[in-house]
Protein backbone atom coordinates (compact mmCIF):
# COMPACT_ATOMS: atom_id res chain seq x y z
CA MET A 1 -45.71 30.40 -20.18
CA HIS A 2 -43.52 33.50 -20.16
CA HIS A 3 -42.25 34.95 -23.39
CA THR A 4 -38.60 35.95 -23.11
CA THR A 5 -35.96 37.30 -25.40
CA PRO A 6 -33.70 34.34 -26.23
CA ALA A 7 -30.41 34.60 -24.37
CA ARG A 8 -27.22 34.86 -26.29
CA PRO A 9 -25.09 31.67 -26.05
CA GLU A 10 -22.20 33.63 -24.59
CA LEU A 11 -24.31 35.22 -21.84
CA SER A 12 -22.16 33.85 -19.00
CA SER A 13 -18.92 35.19 -20.46
CA ARG A 14 -20.51 38.53 -21.25
CA LEU A 15 -21.80 38.84 -17.67
CA HIS A 16 -18.31 38.09 -16.40
CA GLN A 17 -16.74 40.66 -18.70
CA LEU A 18 -19.38 43.29 -17.95
CA LEU A 19 -19.67 42.96 -14.18
CA LEU A 20 -16.64 41.20 -12.72
CA ALA A 21 -13.57 41.32 -14.99
CA GLY A 22 -11.03 43.90 -13.92
CA GLN A 23 -12.80 44.51 -10.60
CA ILE A 24 -11.90 41.38 -8.63
CA GLY A 25 -8.39 39.98 -8.32
CA ALA A 26 -7.72 36.26 -8.58
CA ASP A 27 -6.63 36.03 -4.90
CA GLU A 28 -9.37 38.25 -3.47
CA PRO A 29 -12.89 37.65 -2.16
CA GLY A 30 -15.39 38.28 -4.90
CA ALA A 31 -18.92 37.80 -6.19
CA VAL A 32 -21.20 35.43 -8.05
CA ILE A 33 -24.11 36.39 -10.26
CA ALA A 34 -26.75 34.38 -12.08
CA VAL A 35 -29.58 34.86 -14.54
CA TYR A 36 -32.54 32.48 -14.42
CA ARG A 37 -35.52 31.89 -16.67
CA ASP A 38 -38.63 30.55 -14.92
CA GLY A 39 -36.42 29.59 -11.97
CA THR A 40 -33.92 27.58 -14.03
CA LEU A 41 -30.30 28.72 -14.12
CA LEU A 42 -29.60 30.23 -17.51
CA ALA A 43 -26.14 31.75 -17.07
CA SER A 44 -23.72 32.54 -14.29
CA ALA A 45 -20.48 34.41 -13.71
CA CYS A 46 -18.13 34.04 -10.77
CA ALA A 47 -14.90 35.72 -9.68
CA GLY A 48 -12.79 35.60 -6.55
CA LEU A 49 -12.33 33.19 -3.67
CA ALA A 50 -14.53 31.76 -0.93
CA ASP A 51 -11.69 32.28 1.53
CA ALA A 52 -8.64 34.44 0.87
CA PRO A 53 -5.90 33.86 0.28
CA GLY A 54 -5.68 30.37 -1.14
CA GLY A 55 -9.29 29.29 -0.74
CA ALA A 56 -11.55 27.60 -3.26
CA ALA A 57 -12.77 29.63 -6.20
CA LEU A 58 -16.31 30.98 -5.91
CA SER A 59 -18.80 29.01 -8.00
CA PRO A 60 -22.56 28.58 -8.43
CA ASP A 61 -22.34 25.93 -5.67
CA THR A 62 -20.66 28.20 -3.10
CA MET A 63 -22.88 28.74 -0.07
CA MET A 64 -23.28 32.36 1.02
CA ASN A 65 -25.25 34.27 3.62
CA VAL A 66 -27.99 36.15 1.74
CA ALA A 67 -28.75 38.29 4.80
CA SER A 68 -32.05 40.19 4.55
CA ILE A 69 -33.25 38.33 1.46
CA SER A 70 -33.95 35.68 4.12
CA LYS A 71 -36.93 37.82 5.19
CA GLN A 72 -38.89 36.60 2.17
CA MET A 73 -38.48 32.99 3.29
CA THR A 74 -39.28 33.84 6.91
CA ALA A 75 -42.51 35.48 5.79
CA ALA A 76 -43.41 32.43 3.70
CA ALA A 77 -42.84 30.11 6.68
CA VAL A 78 -45.07 32.30 8.86
CA LEU A 79 -47.80 32.40 6.21
CA LEU A 80 -47.70 28.62 5.85
CA ALA A 81 -48.23 28.35 9.62
CA VAL A 82 -51.14 30.80 9.37
CA ARG A 83 -52.66 28.63 6.64
CA ALA A 84 -52.26 25.58 8.89
CA GLY A 85 -53.94 27.39 11.80
CA THR A 86 -50.81 27.47 13.96
CA LEU A 87 -50.45 31.26 13.89
CA ASP A 88 -52.72 34.29 13.62
CA LEU A 89 -51.37 37.22 11.63
CA ASP A 90 -53.45 39.77 13.50
CA ALA A 91 -53.27 38.56 17.12
CA ASP A 92 -51.33 40.52 19.75
CA LEU A 93 -47.83 39.09 19.60
CA ARG A 94 -47.41 39.11 23.38
CA GLY A 95 -49.35 35.85 23.52
CA LEU A 96 -46.31 34.07 22.05
CA VAL A 97 -43.57 36.54 22.91
CA PRO A 98 -44.28 37.83 26.43
CA GLU A 99 -40.85 39.47 26.50
CA LEU A 100 -42.44 42.16 24.33
CA GLN A 101 -43.91 44.79 26.67
CA LEU A 102 -45.70 46.86 24.02
CA SER A 103 -49.32 46.18 23.09
CA GLY A 104 -50.89 46.17 19.66
CA VAL A 105 -48.00 44.58 17.75
CA THR A 106 -49.01 41.75 15.37
CA LEU A 107 -47.19 39.38 13.06
CA ARG A 108 -48.57 41.36 10.15
CA ASN A 109 -46.92 44.49 11.55
CA CYS A 110 -43.65 42.63 11.96
CA LEU A 111 -43.64 41.30 8.39
CA ASN A 112 -44.44 44.61 6.71
CA HIS A 113 -42.31 46.84 8.97
CA THR A 114 -45.21 48.74 10.53
CA ALA A 115 -44.74 47.58 14.16
CA GLY A 116 -43.04 50.79 15.30
CA LEU A 117 -40.27 48.84 17.02
CA PRO A 118 -36.67 50.10 17.09
CA ASP A 119 -34.19 48.16 14.96
CA TYR A 120 -32.02 46.13 17.32
CA LEU A 121 -28.97 46.40 15.06
CA ALA A 122 -29.27 50.19 14.97
CA VAL A 123 -29.56 50.20 18.74
CA ALA A 124 -26.42 48.07 19.09
CA TYR A 125 -24.51 50.36 16.75
CA THR A 126 -25.59 53.44 18.68
CA VAL A 127 -24.51 52.09 22.08
CA GLY A 128 -21.31 50.51 20.77
CA MET A 129 -22.38 46.89 21.21
CA PRO A 130 -20.89 44.43 18.68
CA GLU A 131 -23.50 42.92 16.34
CA ILE A 132 -22.36 39.42 17.27
CA GLU A 133 -23.28 40.18 20.90
CA ILE A 134 -26.84 41.38 20.38
CA ALA A 135 -27.31 38.62 17.79
CA ALA A 136 -27.40 36.11 20.68
CA LEU A 137 -31.09 35.31 21.13
CA ARG A 138 -30.99 35.61 24.94
CA THR A 139 -29.37 39.06 24.70
CA PHE A 140 -31.91 40.13 22.09
CA LEU A 141 -34.88 39.05 24.21
CA ASP A 142 -33.43 40.75 27.29
CA TRP A 143 -33.11 43.99 25.33
CA LEU A 144 -36.64 43.56 23.93
CA SER A 145 -38.09 43.28 27.43
CA ARG A 146 -36.69 46.74 28.19
CA VAL A 147 -38.17 48.48 25.12
CA GLY A 148 -40.75 50.72 26.75
CA ALA A 149 -42.25 52.73 23.89
CA HIS A 150 -43.20 52.49 20.22
CA GLU A 151 -41.35 54.70 17.76
CA PHE A 152 -44.78 55.22 16.16
CA ARG A 153 -48.19 53.60 16.47
CA PRO A 154 -48.44 50.28 14.58
CA ARG A 155 -49.44 50.76 10.92
CA GLU A 156 -49.12 54.51 11.20
CA ARG A 157 -45.84 54.41 9.29
CA GLN A 158 -43.52 51.92 7.65
CA SER A 159 -39.92 51.82 8.86
CA TYR A 160 -37.55 48.98 8.02
CA SER A 161 -36.81 47.04 11.21
CA ASN A 162 -34.95 43.76 11.62
CA THR A 163 -36.53 43.46 15.06
CA GLY A 164 -39.93 42.55 13.63
CA TYR A 165 -38.58 39.61 11.67
CA VAL A 166 -36.70 38.23 14.66
CA LEU A 167 -39.96 38.43 16.62
CA ALA A 168 -41.81 36.63 13.81
CA ALA A 169 -39.26 33.82 13.90
CA VAL A 170 -39.52 33.53 17.70
CA ALA A 171 -43.31 33.41 17.52
CA LEU A 172 -43.25 30.72 14.82
CA GLU A 173 -40.73 28.66 16.76
CA ARG A 174 -42.79 28.75 19.93
CA ALA A 175 -46.05 28.00 18.14
CA ALA A 176 -44.49 25.06 16.26
CA GLY A 177 -42.58 23.73 19.26
CA LYS A 178 -39.35 23.31 17.31
CA PRO A 179 -36.40 25.54 16.34
CA PHE A 180 -37.10 28.08 13.62
CA PRO A 181 -34.30 26.80 11.32
CA LEU A 182 -35.95 23.37 11.37
CA VAL A 183 -39.41 24.81 10.67
CA LEU A 184 -37.99 26.84 7.76
CA ALA A 185 -36.29 23.77 6.33
CA GLU A 186 -39.37 21.53 6.66
CA THR A 187 -41.93 23.98 5.29
CA VAL A 188 -40.02 26.09 2.75
CA LEU A 189 -36.52 24.98 1.79
CA LEU A 190 -36.90 21.20 1.45
CA PRO A 191 -40.27 21.31 -0.38
CA LEU A 192 -38.67 23.65 -2.94
CA GLY A 193 -35.74 21.28 -3.41
CA MET A 194 -33.24 23.61 -1.70
CA THR A 195 -31.72 20.65 0.12
CA GLY A 196 -28.32 22.23 0.74
CA SER A 197 -29.69 25.55 1.99
CA PHE A 198 -30.30 26.26 5.67
CA SER A 199 -30.66 28.90 8.33
CA THR A 200 -27.98 29.02 10.99
CA THR A 201 -29.00 28.01 14.53
CA VAL A 202 -26.08 29.02 16.73
CA LEU A 203 -23.61 31.88 16.53
CA GLY A 204 -20.41 30.94 14.76
CA GLU A 205 -22.06 28.11 12.83
CA PHE A 206 -20.14 27.12 9.72
CA SER A 207 -20.69 24.39 7.15
CA ALA A 208 -18.54 22.91 4.39
CA GLY A 209 -18.94 24.82 1.14
CA MET A 210 -19.67 28.14 2.83
CA ALA A 211 -17.74 31.28 1.98
CA PHE A 212 -16.18 33.57 4.53
CA SER A 213 -16.79 37.29 4.11
CA PHE A 214 -14.31 40.14 4.08
CA THR A 215 -14.30 43.88 4.59
CA ARG A 216 -11.76 46.26 3.13
CA THR A 217 -9.52 48.27 5.42
CA ASP A 218 -8.45 51.86 4.84
CA SER A 219 -5.14 50.52 3.51
CA GLY A 220 -6.97 48.51 0.85
CA GLU A 221 -6.32 45.12 2.43
CA PHE A 222 -9.09 42.57 2.93
CA GLU A 223 -9.86 41.62 6.52
CA LYS A 224 -11.79 38.43 7.27
CA GLU A 225 -15.11 38.75 9.09
CA THR A 226 -15.08 35.71 11.37
CA MET A 227 -18.91 35.73 11.80
CA GLY A 228 -18.12 34.32 15.20
CA VAL A 229 -16.58 31.15 13.75
CA GLY A 230 -14.08 29.92 16.33
CA THR A 231 -14.31 33.16 18.34
CA VAL A 232 -17.62 32.96 20.25
CA ALA A 233 -19.38 30.28 22.23
CA PRO A 234 -21.91 28.40 20.10
CA VAL A 235 -24.97 29.96 21.74
CA ARG A 236 -28.35 30.24 20.11
CA GLY A 237 -28.54 33.18 17.69
CA VAL A 238 -31.43 35.21 16.37
CA ASN A 239 -33.24 34.13 13.21
CA GLY A 240 -35.74 35.50 10.76
CA ASP A 241 -34.13 38.75 9.69
CA GLY A 242 -31.19 37.07 7.92
CA GLU A 243 -29.02 33.99 8.41
CA VAL A 244 -30.20 31.90 5.40
CA ILE A 245 -27.25 30.26 3.65
CA THR A 246 -27.77 29.25 0.03
CA SER A 247 -26.10 29.06 -3.39
CA LEU A 248 -26.87 30.29 -6.88
CA ASN A 249 -27.68 26.73 -7.96
CA GLU A 250 -30.39 26.43 -5.30
CA PHE A 251 -31.71 29.98 -5.11
CA GLY A 252 -33.46 29.78 -8.46
CA ALA A 253 -36.07 27.49 -6.88
CA TRP A 254 -37.09 30.30 -4.54
CA GLN A 255 -37.32 32.81 -7.37
CA GLY A 256 -39.37 30.29 -9.35
CA PHE A 257 -41.88 30.23 -6.49
CA LEU A 258 -42.09 34.02 -6.56
CA LEU A 259 -42.96 33.82 -10.26
CA ASP A 260 -45.89 31.42 -10.10
CA GLY A 261 -46.44 30.12 -6.57
CA ARG A 262 -45.09 26.66 -7.37
CA VAL A 263 -44.95 24.11 -4.55
CA LEU A 264 -45.80 26.44 -1.65
CA GLY A 265 -48.98 27.84 -3.18
CA GLU A 266 -50.29 30.86 -5.03
CA ASP A 267 -52.04 32.07 -1.87
CA ILE A 268 -48.69 32.30 -0.06
CA ARG A 269 -47.13 34.09 -3.03
CA GLN A 270 -49.95 36.63 -3.22
CA ALA A 271 -49.78 37.32 0.50
CA LEU A 272 -46.04 38.03 0.20
CA LEU A 273 -46.58 40.39 -2.73
CA THR A 274 -49.53 42.36 -1.35
CA LYS A 275 -48.44 45.93 -0.73
CA THR A 276 -48.88 47.48 2.70
CA VAL A 277 -51.69 49.98 3.32
CA LEU A 278 -51.15 52.38 6.23
CA THR A 279 -53.87 53.72 8.53
CA ASP A 280 -54.22 56.90 6.46
CA GLY A 281 -54.84 54.85 3.29
CA ARG A 282 -51.43 55.29 1.72
CA GLU A 283 -50.10 52.23 -0.12
CA THR A 284 -46.38 51.53 0.14
CA SER A 285 -44.13 49.59 -2.24
CA TYR A 286 -43.28 46.90 0.36
CA GLY A 287 -45.18 43.69 1.06
CA PHE A 288 -43.91 40.87 3.26
CA GLY A 289 -40.17 40.81 2.53
CA ILE A 290 -40.84 42.02 -1.02
CA GLU A 291 -39.99 45.42 -2.46
CA HIS A 292 -41.83 46.33 -5.65
CA GLU A 293 -39.17 48.19 -7.62
CA THR A 294 -39.14 49.68 -11.11
CA ARG A 295 -36.05 50.58 -13.10
CA ALA A 296 -36.37 51.44 -16.79
CA HIS A 297 -38.62 48.87 -18.48
CA THR A 298 -38.59 46.35 -15.61
CA THR A 299 -40.98 46.27 -12.65
CA ALA A 300 -39.81 43.52 -10.34
CA TYR A 301 -39.99 41.88 -6.93
CA ALA A 302 -36.69 42.80 -5.30
CA HIS A 303 -34.81 42.75 -2.03
CA SER A 304 -31.31 43.43 -0.83
CA GLY A 305 -29.24 41.87 1.89
CA GLY A 306 -26.07 42.84 3.70
CA MET A 307 -24.28 41.73 6.87
CA TRP A 308 -20.74 41.00 8.06
CA GLY A 309 -19.21 41.82 4.66
CA PHE A 310 -21.74 39.77 2.71
CA SER A 311 -24.08 41.48 0.27
CA ALA A 312 -26.85 40.03 -1.86
CA TYR A 313 -29.60 41.16 -4.21
CA SER A 314 -32.55 39.34 -5.76
CA ILE A 315 -34.70 40.57 -8.66
CA VAL A 316 -37.67 38.70 -10.13
CA ASP A 317 -39.44 40.06 -13.23
CA PRO A 318 -42.92 38.50 -13.49
CA ALA A 319 -43.49 39.93 -16.97
CA THR A 320 -40.63 38.01 -18.60
CA GLY A 321 -39.93 35.16 -16.19
CA ILE A 322 -36.33 36.37 -15.95
CA SER A 323 -34.73 36.71 -12.53
CA VAL A 324 -31.28 37.62 -11.26
CA ALA A 325 -29.35 36.92 -8.07
CA CYS A 326 -26.03 38.38 -7.01
CA PHE A 327 -24.14 37.28 -3.89
CA SER A 328 -20.81 38.69 -2.70
CA ASN A 329 -18.39 37.99 0.15
CA ARG A 330 -16.48 41.18 -0.53
CA GLY A 331 -17.40 44.24 1.52
CA GLY A 332 -18.16 47.26 -0.65
CA PHE A 333 -19.23 45.27 -3.70
CA ARG A 334 -22.42 46.83 -5.06
CA SER A 335 -24.55 43.75 -5.51
CA SER A 336 -27.70 45.75 -6.23
CA GLU A 337 -26.07 47.65 -9.08
CA ALA A 338 -24.57 44.47 -10.52
CA ALA A 339 -27.90 42.63 -10.28
CA TRP A 340 -29.90 45.38 -11.95
CA THR A 341 -27.32 45.77 -14.70
CA ALA A 342 -27.50 42.03 -15.31
CA MET A 343 -31.30 42.16 -15.37
CA HIS A 344 -31.36 44.90 -18.00
CA PHE A 345 -28.66 43.08 -19.91
CA ALA A 346 -30.49 39.74 -19.90
CA SER A 347 -33.97 41.09 -20.60
CA GLY A 348 -33.11 42.87 -23.84
CA PHE A 349 -30.82 45.80 -23.13
CA GLY A 350 -27.88 43.44 -23.43
CA ASP A 351 -28.43 43.50 -27.17
CA VAL A 352 -27.37 47.15 -27.06
CA ALA A 353 -24.25 46.79 -24.93
CA GLY A 354 -20.91 46.31 -26.60
CA HIS A 355 -18.74 47.72 -29.39
CA TRP A 356 -20.39 49.09 -32.54
CA TYR A 357 -19.12 50.57 -35.79
CA SER A 358 -20.90 52.68 -38.37
CA THR A 359 -21.77 51.13 -41.72
CA GLN A 360 -21.72 54.58 -43.34
CA THR A 361 -18.93 56.63 -41.75
CA PHE A 362 -15.68 56.25 -39.84
CA MET A 363 -17.16 56.24 -36.36
CA GLY A 364 -17.37 53.73 -33.51
CA ALA A 365 -19.41 53.54 -30.33
CA GLN A 366 -18.94 51.67 -27.08
CA LEU A 367 -22.12 51.23 -24.99
CA ALA A 368 -22.53 49.86 -21.47
CA VAL A 369 -25.82 49.18 -19.69
CA GLN A 370 -26.12 50.84 -16.28
CA ALA A 371 -28.14 49.67 -13.28
CA ASP A 372 -30.83 52.31 -13.85
CA GLY A 373 -31.36 51.23 -17.46
CA ASN A 374 -29.46 54.18 -18.92
CA LEU A 375 -26.44 53.76 -21.18
CA ALA A 376 -22.87 54.90 -20.70
CA ALA A 377 -21.92 55.81 -24.27
CA ARG A 378 -18.59 56.82 -25.71
CA THR A 379 -17.40 57.26 -29.26
CA GLY A 380 -14.16 55.49 -28.50
CA LEU A 381 -12.19 58.70 -29.01
CA THR A 382 -12.83 60.13 -25.55
CA GLU A 383 -12.18 58.84 -22.05
CA ASP A 384 -15.40 60.17 -20.51
CA ALA A 385 -18.69 58.48 -21.35
CA GLU A 386 -21.90 60.36 -22.01
CA THR A 387 -25.13 59.23 -20.38
CA ALA A 388 -28.00 58.34 -22.69
CA HIS A 389 -31.25 58.12 -20.71
CA TRP A 390 -33.77 55.39 -21.35
CA ALA A 391 -36.80 56.86 -23.12
CA GLY A 392 -38.99 53.78 -23.38
CA GLY A 393 -38.80 50.62 -25.44
CA HIS A 394 -35.33 50.30 -26.91
CA VAL A 395 -34.67 54.02 -27.29
CA TRP A 396 -32.25 56.22 -25.32
CA HIS A 397 -31.82 59.99 -25.46
CA GLY A 398 -28.53 61.77 -24.75
CA ALA A 399 -26.50 64.65 -26.10
CA ASP A 400 -23.68 65.43 -28.50
CA ASP A 401 -22.74 62.26 -30.40
CA PHE A 402 -25.57 60.26 -28.80
CA ALA A 403 -28.63 62.47 -29.03
CA ARG A 404 -30.69 59.37 -29.82
CA ILE A 405 -29.86 55.67 -29.76
CA GLU A 406 -32.36 53.11 -31.02
CA ALA A 407 -32.04 49.36 -31.32
CA ILE A 408 -33.26 48.23 -34.75
CA PRO A 409 -33.39 44.73 -36.29
CA THR A 410 -30.14 45.25 -38.18
CA GLY A 411 -28.18 46.86 -35.32
CA LEU A 412 -28.35 50.40 -33.97
CA ALA A 413 -29.44 53.75 -35.31
CA ILE A 414 -27.48 56.55 -33.61
CA THR A 415 -28.38 60.18 -34.20
CA SER A 416 -25.98 62.99 -33.29
CA TRP A 417 -26.94 66.39 -31.94
CA PHE A 418 -26.97 67.91 -35.44
CA GLY A 419 -29.56 65.42 -36.69
CA ILE A 420 -27.51 62.99 -38.78
CA THR A 421 -28.41 59.34 -38.22
CA ASP A 422 -25.88 56.54 -38.80
CA ARG A 423 -26.51 52.81 -38.85
CA TYR A 424 -24.15 50.78 -36.69
CA GLU A 425 -23.38 47.08 -36.60
CA ARG A 426 -21.88 45.08 -33.76
CA VAL A 427 -18.15 44.34 -33.86
CA GLU A 428 -16.22 41.77 -31.89
CA PRO A 429 -14.05 43.47 -29.23
CA VAL A 430 -10.32 42.79 -29.52
CA ALA A 431 -7.44 43.32 -27.14
CA GLU A 432 -4.49 42.81 -29.49
CA TYR A 433 -3.25 44.55 -32.60
CA PRO A 434 -2.12 42.83 -35.84
CA ARG A 435 1.63 42.88 -36.27
CA GLY A 436 1.09 42.97 -40.02
CA LEU A 437 0.04 46.59 -39.62
CA LEU A 438 3.51 47.69 -38.52
CA GLY A 439 5.53 49.74 -40.97
CA ALA A 440 5.84 52.99 -42.92
CA TYR A 441 2.99 54.36 -45.06
CA ARG A 442 2.34 57.30 -47.35
CA GLU A 443 -0.85 59.21 -48.04
CA PRO A 444 -0.88 59.83 -51.83
CA THR A 445 -2.76 63.14 -52.06
CA PHE A 446 -0.33 65.15 -49.94
CA ASP A 447 2.52 62.64 -49.96
CA ALA A 448 2.33 62.61 -46.16
CA ALA A 449 4.31 59.99 -44.20
CA TYR A 450 2.79 57.84 -41.47
CA LEU A 451 4.47 55.20 -39.30
CA PHE A 452 2.89 52.41 -37.25
CA GLU A 453 5.42 51.15 -34.73
CA GLU A 454 5.61 48.92 -31.71
CA ARG A 455 6.49 50.41 -28.32
CA GLY A 456 6.69 47.69 -25.72
CA ASP A 457 3.50 45.72 -26.24
CA GLU A 458 1.57 48.72 -27.59
CA LEU A 459 0.85 49.97 -31.11
CA TRP A 460 1.70 53.60 -31.81
CA LEU A 461 1.03 55.88 -34.75
CA VAL A 462 3.50 58.60 -35.79
CA PRO A 463 1.41 60.95 -37.99
CA PRO A 464 2.72 63.92 -39.98
CA GLY A 465 3.00 67.17 -38.02
CA ARG A 466 1.67 65.71 -34.75
CA GLU A 467 2.94 63.98 -31.66
CA PRO A 468 2.91 60.16 -31.73
CA GLU A 469 -0.13 58.59 -30.13
CA ARG A 470 -1.21 55.13 -29.11
CA VAL A 471 -3.61 53.13 -31.28
CA LEU A 472 -6.06 51.24 -29.07
CA PRO A 473 -7.57 47.97 -30.34
CA PHE A 474 -11.34 48.44 -30.74
CA GLY A 475 -12.89 45.59 -32.69
CA ARG A 476 -12.99 43.20 -35.60
CA ARG A 477 -15.54 43.32 -38.40
CA HIS A 478 -15.78 41.21 -41.56
CA GLY A 479 -12.28 39.91 -40.91
CA GLY A 480 -10.80 43.39 -40.67
CA TRP A 481 -9.24 45.04 -37.61
CA ILE A 482 -10.37 48.41 -36.20
CA GLY A 483 -8.24 50.63 -33.96
CA GLU A 484 -8.95 53.98 -32.36
CA THR A 485 -6.84 57.11 -31.91
CA THR A 486 -7.68 60.73 -31.23
CA LEU A 487 -6.73 61.37 -34.88
CA GLY A 488 -9.40 58.99 -36.10
CA TRP A 489 -10.17 55.36 -36.75
CA VAL A 490 -7.75 52.90 -38.32
CA LEU A 491 -9.07 50.06 -40.51
CA PHE A 492 -6.78 47.21 -41.55
CA ASP A 493 -8.06 44.25 -43.55
CA GLY A 494 -5.31 41.95 -42.34
CA THR A 495 -3.33 41.76 -45.58
CA ARG A 496 -0.44 43.72 -47.01
CA ALA A 497 -2.13 43.92 -50.39
CA GLU A 498 -4.81 46.44 -49.45
CA PRO A 499 -4.20 49.96 -48.14
CA VAL A 500 -4.84 50.91 -44.54
CA ARG A 501 -7.61 53.47 -44.13
CA ILE A 502 -7.66 56.17 -41.49
CA GLY A 503 -10.41 58.69 -40.96
CA LEU A 504 -13.07 60.29 -38.79
CA GLY A 505 -16.72 60.84 -39.56
CA THR A 506 -17.38 61.26 -43.27
CA TYR A 507 -13.71 61.70 -44.21
CA SER A 508 -11.15 58.93 -44.66
CA THR A 509 -8.01 58.42 -46.68
CA ALA A 510 -5.96 55.45 -47.85
CA LEU A 511 -2.44 54.83 -46.60
CA PHE A 512 -0.16 52.80 -48.87
CA ARG A 513 2.94 51.01 -47.71
CA ALA A 514 5.99 53.13 -48.43
CA GLU A 515 7.88 50.23 -50.00
CA ARG A 516 5.09 49.72 -52.53
CA GLU A 517 5.62 53.20 -53.96
CA GLN A 518 9.35 52.88 -54.36
């Protein structure tokens, strides 16, 4: 049983605010992201449309092409056939795929990218052939028959190649005597309960509930990627290197298998995870469709995917049982960065993200978790964030105002460059300002006049001897409202009876309503 940090009840809304809000318009293609514990959906956030404009909103049920993440499932299907005696991982592949002219290539080489075969998509790009054209299986096999040389001897190097996975799917299909998508469904998807998921069989195949994908033009408009739907003849397409269509609600079952080998078997899981060893003895970080990746405190099984405007990323942390998936139908969306940020957020670093205010001085802090586990930290009084680098555990080291940040049971301890440590507590972010704050005030020591006034829908402060400046809403603590300006922090308890306080660092002063002194 995995031990995990309990998720906050508002995890879904916090993921949406952190990763999607302000980035994706309501009428645009977008992204979906989910956090799972032990393969069970824990929280999700969605933004954008499955088809723009006017399509259905993206949801955890929306079916998307996960592209190269499909390689993990292809490898599992091959390994299950090896277990059943239908395939041999180390036999010359020409016995099943005679179109291949090169000797010495095995299924093992294909699954761990050591076959030395050119990537067919890179070839198509180089010669100006549309991807949809070479993605026809007959065209692919015709090209394969004309490949006359290895790029390197098998197992001498590791070079990512979609070609190997297409070959693996062809070999499995021919050994099983049935189409690869059917084999994948019968041996992997259906046993795991992924009953709505499938691999496409023909080019241009589309199913109800699927999202279209979009790329962004130079003018900023979104252009639909047809994926061949309605534009090409429904001929047989390649499989194995991508083409699996699934949803957030079903994908957790696959990640659950990667955690403990459920349903398909621990032997299949271990074979997927085993890192590749090259002929010179070097061990790589890639197994069969699995990249072993470490960022900050998390070492995970990961893989990316991207094709035709779709992007996807999967992360599984065996130490905590937490996993993350991010799918997008919006070209240019950085699914890997969003997924890793969500992973750090869900596995403990999320307790650090947010708005904080000192319990000892007039100072606030706004922290955001980054994909590499570092923090983007700002005091609230500057536009540019500082980077605080993860230093192990729940400690980050930076500079200036954030020389050291440490999560402690009562909140945060933040140490500035000159060695002073303040304790901070979390505050609830706010977007509005209290109208009860408006009015004229006087500072009693110097009899200085201050004015809080409304300009449009913004709050402005007119201080003595300075230009007016906007007061930005920052947070709410103990019923009181906190605002930020370059002059300092503004604290208002929400009543007219108590003075407003304004200050920065160790200094603050009370402002009394002008009418009270008359």
